[in-house]
C-alpha cells in the first residue's frame, strides 16, 4: 500500500519500493505493484512522479 505523506496541508503518496512521490494514490499503488513485480521502475509510471521540498 502506498504510504501517505502530508506536507504543507496537502496529501501525497509514496511508492514504498522506490520512494517516488505522487499526487494520486492510484498511480503510487501502480508504481509499487510494478516495482515489486519487475524489480525496476516503469518510465510510463514514473513520469507522473513529483518532487516535494
N, C-alpha and C. Protein backbone atom coordinates (compact mmCIF):
# COMPACT_ATOMS: atom_id res chain seq x y z
N UNK A 1 0.85 -1.18 0.00
CA UNK A 1 0.00 0.00 0.00
C UNK A 1 0.89 1.23 0.00
N UNK A 2 0.61 2.14 -0.88
CA UNK A 2 1.38 3.38 -0.97
C UNK A 2 1.26 4.16 0.34
N UNK A 3 2.37 4.70 0.78
CA UNK A 3 2.43 5.43 2.05
C UNK A 3 1.93 6.87 1.84
N UNK A 4 1.04 7.31 2.72
CA UNK A 4 0.51 8.67 2.63
C UNK A 4 1.44 9.64 3.36
N UNK A 5 1.71 10.76 2.70
CA UNK A 5 2.57 11.80 3.27
C UNK A 5 1.78 13.10 3.28
N UNK A 6 1.82 13.82 4.40
CA UNK A 6 1.17 15.12 4.47
C UNK A 6 2.24 16.19 4.58
N UNK A 7 2.17 17.17 3.69
CA UNK A 7 3.16 18.24 3.69
C UNK A 7 2.47 19.53 3.27
N UNK A 8 2.61 20.56 4.05
CA UNK A 8 2.02 21.88 3.78
C UNK A 8 0.52 21.79 3.55
N UNK A 9 -0.14 20.92 4.32
CA UNK A 9 -1.59 20.78 4.23
C UNK A 9 -2.07 19.98 3.03
N UNK A 10 -1.16 19.38 2.27
CA UNK A 10 -1.53 18.59 1.09
C UNK A 10 -1.15 17.14 1.31
N UNK A 11 -1.85 16.24 0.63
CA UNK A 11 -1.56 14.80 0.71
C UNK A 11 -0.79 14.36 -0.52
N UNK A 12 0.21 13.55 -0.28
CA UNK A 12 0.99 12.94 -1.35
C UNK A 12 1.12 11.46 -1.01
N UNK A 13 1.54 10.68 -2.01
CA UNK A 13 1.63 9.24 -1.82
C UNK A 13 2.98 8.75 -2.33
N UNK A 14 3.62 7.91 -1.52
CA UNK A 14 4.96 7.44 -1.83
C UNK A 14 4.96 5.95 -2.14
N UNK A 15 5.61 5.59 -3.21
CA UNK A 15 5.84 4.17 -3.52
C UNK A 15 6.82 3.65 -2.49
N UNK A 16 6.46 2.61 -1.77
CA UNK A 16 7.32 2.09 -0.72
C UNK A 16 8.48 1.26 -1.27
N UNK A 17 8.48 0.99 -2.56
CA UNK A 17 9.57 0.25 -3.17
C UNK A 17 10.69 1.16 -3.66
N UNK A 18 10.33 2.24 -4.37
CA UNK A 18 11.36 3.11 -4.96
C UNK A 18 11.38 4.52 -4.36
N UNK A 19 10.41 4.82 -3.52
CA UNK A 19 10.31 6.11 -2.82
C UNK A 19 9.93 7.29 -3.70
N UNK A 20 9.45 7.04 -4.91
CA UNK A 20 8.95 8.14 -5.74
C UNK A 20 7.65 8.64 -5.14
N UNK A 21 7.38 9.94 -5.30
CA UNK A 21 6.21 10.59 -4.71
C UNK A 21 5.22 10.95 -5.82
N UNK A 22 3.94 10.77 -5.53
CA UNK A 22 2.87 11.06 -6.49
C UNK A 22 1.75 11.82 -5.81
N UNK A 23 1.00 12.59 -6.61
CA UNK A 23 -0.17 13.30 -6.09
C UNK A 23 -1.37 12.36 -5.97
N UNK A 24 -1.38 11.30 -6.76
CA UNK A 24 -2.52 10.39 -6.85
C UNK A 24 -2.19 9.02 -6.25
N UNK A 25 -3.03 8.55 -5.35
CA UNK A 25 -2.82 7.25 -4.70
C UNK A 25 -2.79 6.11 -5.72
N UNK A 26 -3.67 6.17 -6.73
CA UNK A 26 -3.74 5.09 -7.73
C UNK A 26 -2.41 4.92 -8.47
N UNK A 27 -1.81 6.03 -8.84
CA UNK A 27 -0.54 5.96 -9.57
C UNK A 27 0.57 5.44 -8.66
N UNK A 28 0.59 5.88 -7.41
CA UNK A 28 1.59 5.39 -6.46
C UNK A 28 1.44 3.89 -6.25
N UNK A 29 0.22 3.41 -6.16
CA UNK A 29 -0.04 1.97 -6.00
C UNK A 29 0.40 1.20 -7.24
N UNK A 30 0.12 1.78 -8.40
CA UNK A 30 0.51 1.15 -9.67
C UNK A 30 2.03 1.06 -9.75
N UNK A 31 2.71 2.12 -9.32
CA UNK A 31 4.17 2.14 -9.29
C UNK A 31 4.70 1.05 -8.36
N UNK A 32 4.13 0.99 -7.19
CA UNK A 32 4.55 0.00 -6.19
C UNK A 32 4.38 -1.43 -6.72
N UNK A 33 3.24 -1.70 -7.33
CA UNK A 33 2.99 -3.03 -7.88
C UNK A 33 4.00 -3.38 -8.98
N UNK A 34 4.26 -2.42 -9.85
CA UNK A 34 5.22 -2.63 -10.94
C UNK A 34 6.62 -2.88 -10.38
N UNK A 35 7.02 -2.05 -9.43
CA UNK A 35 8.36 -2.19 -8.84
C UNK A 35 8.54 -3.55 -8.18
N UNK A 36 7.54 -4.00 -7.46
CA UNK A 36 7.63 -5.30 -6.78
C UNK A 36 7.74 -6.45 -7.79
N UNK A 37 6.94 -6.36 -8.83
CA UNK A 37 6.91 -7.44 -9.81
C UNK A 37 8.18 -7.50 -10.66
N UNK A 38 8.68 -6.34 -11.09
CA UNK A 38 9.78 -6.30 -12.05
C UNK A 38 11.13 -5.92 -11.45
N UNK A 39 11.14 -5.52 -10.18
CA UNK A 39 12.36 -5.06 -9.51
C UNK A 39 13.02 -3.93 -10.30
N UNK A 40 12.17 -3.08 -10.87
CA UNK A 40 12.60 -1.92 -11.65
C UNK A 40 11.42 -0.97 -11.77
N UNK A 41 11.71 0.25 -12.20
CA UNK A 41 10.65 1.25 -12.37
C UNK A 41 10.20 1.31 -13.83
N UNK A 42 8.97 1.73 -14.02
CA UNK A 42 8.41 1.93 -15.35
C UNK A 42 8.47 3.41 -15.69
N UNK A 43 9.05 3.76 -16.81
CA UNK A 43 9.11 5.16 -17.24
C UNK A 43 7.72 5.73 -17.43
N UNK A 44 6.80 4.91 -17.93
CA UNK A 44 5.42 5.37 -18.14
C UNK A 44 4.74 5.75 -16.83
N UNK A 45 5.12 5.13 -15.75
CA UNK A 45 4.54 5.44 -14.44
C UNK A 45 5.31 6.57 -13.78
N UNK A 46 6.63 6.47 -13.76
CA UNK A 46 7.43 7.45 -13.02
C UNK A 46 7.42 8.84 -13.64
N UNK A 47 6.95 8.97 -14.87
CA UNK A 47 6.86 10.32 -15.46
C UNK A 47 5.83 11.17 -14.71
N UNK A 48 5.00 10.54 -13.89
CA UNK A 48 4.00 11.26 -13.09
C UNK A 48 4.53 11.61 -11.70
N UNK A 49 5.74 11.18 -11.38
CA UNK A 49 6.32 11.46 -10.06
C UNK A 49 6.56 12.96 -9.90
N UNK A 50 6.49 13.40 -8.65
CA UNK A 50 6.71 14.82 -8.35
C UNK A 50 7.81 14.95 -7.31
N UNK A 51 8.32 16.16 -7.17
CA UNK A 51 9.32 16.46 -6.16
C UNK A 51 8.68 17.38 -5.13
N UNK A 52 8.79 17.01 -3.87
CA UNK A 52 8.28 17.89 -2.82
C UNK A 52 9.46 18.33 -1.96
N UNK A 53 9.40 19.54 -1.50
CA UNK A 53 10.51 20.08 -0.68
C UNK A 53 10.23 19.88 0.77
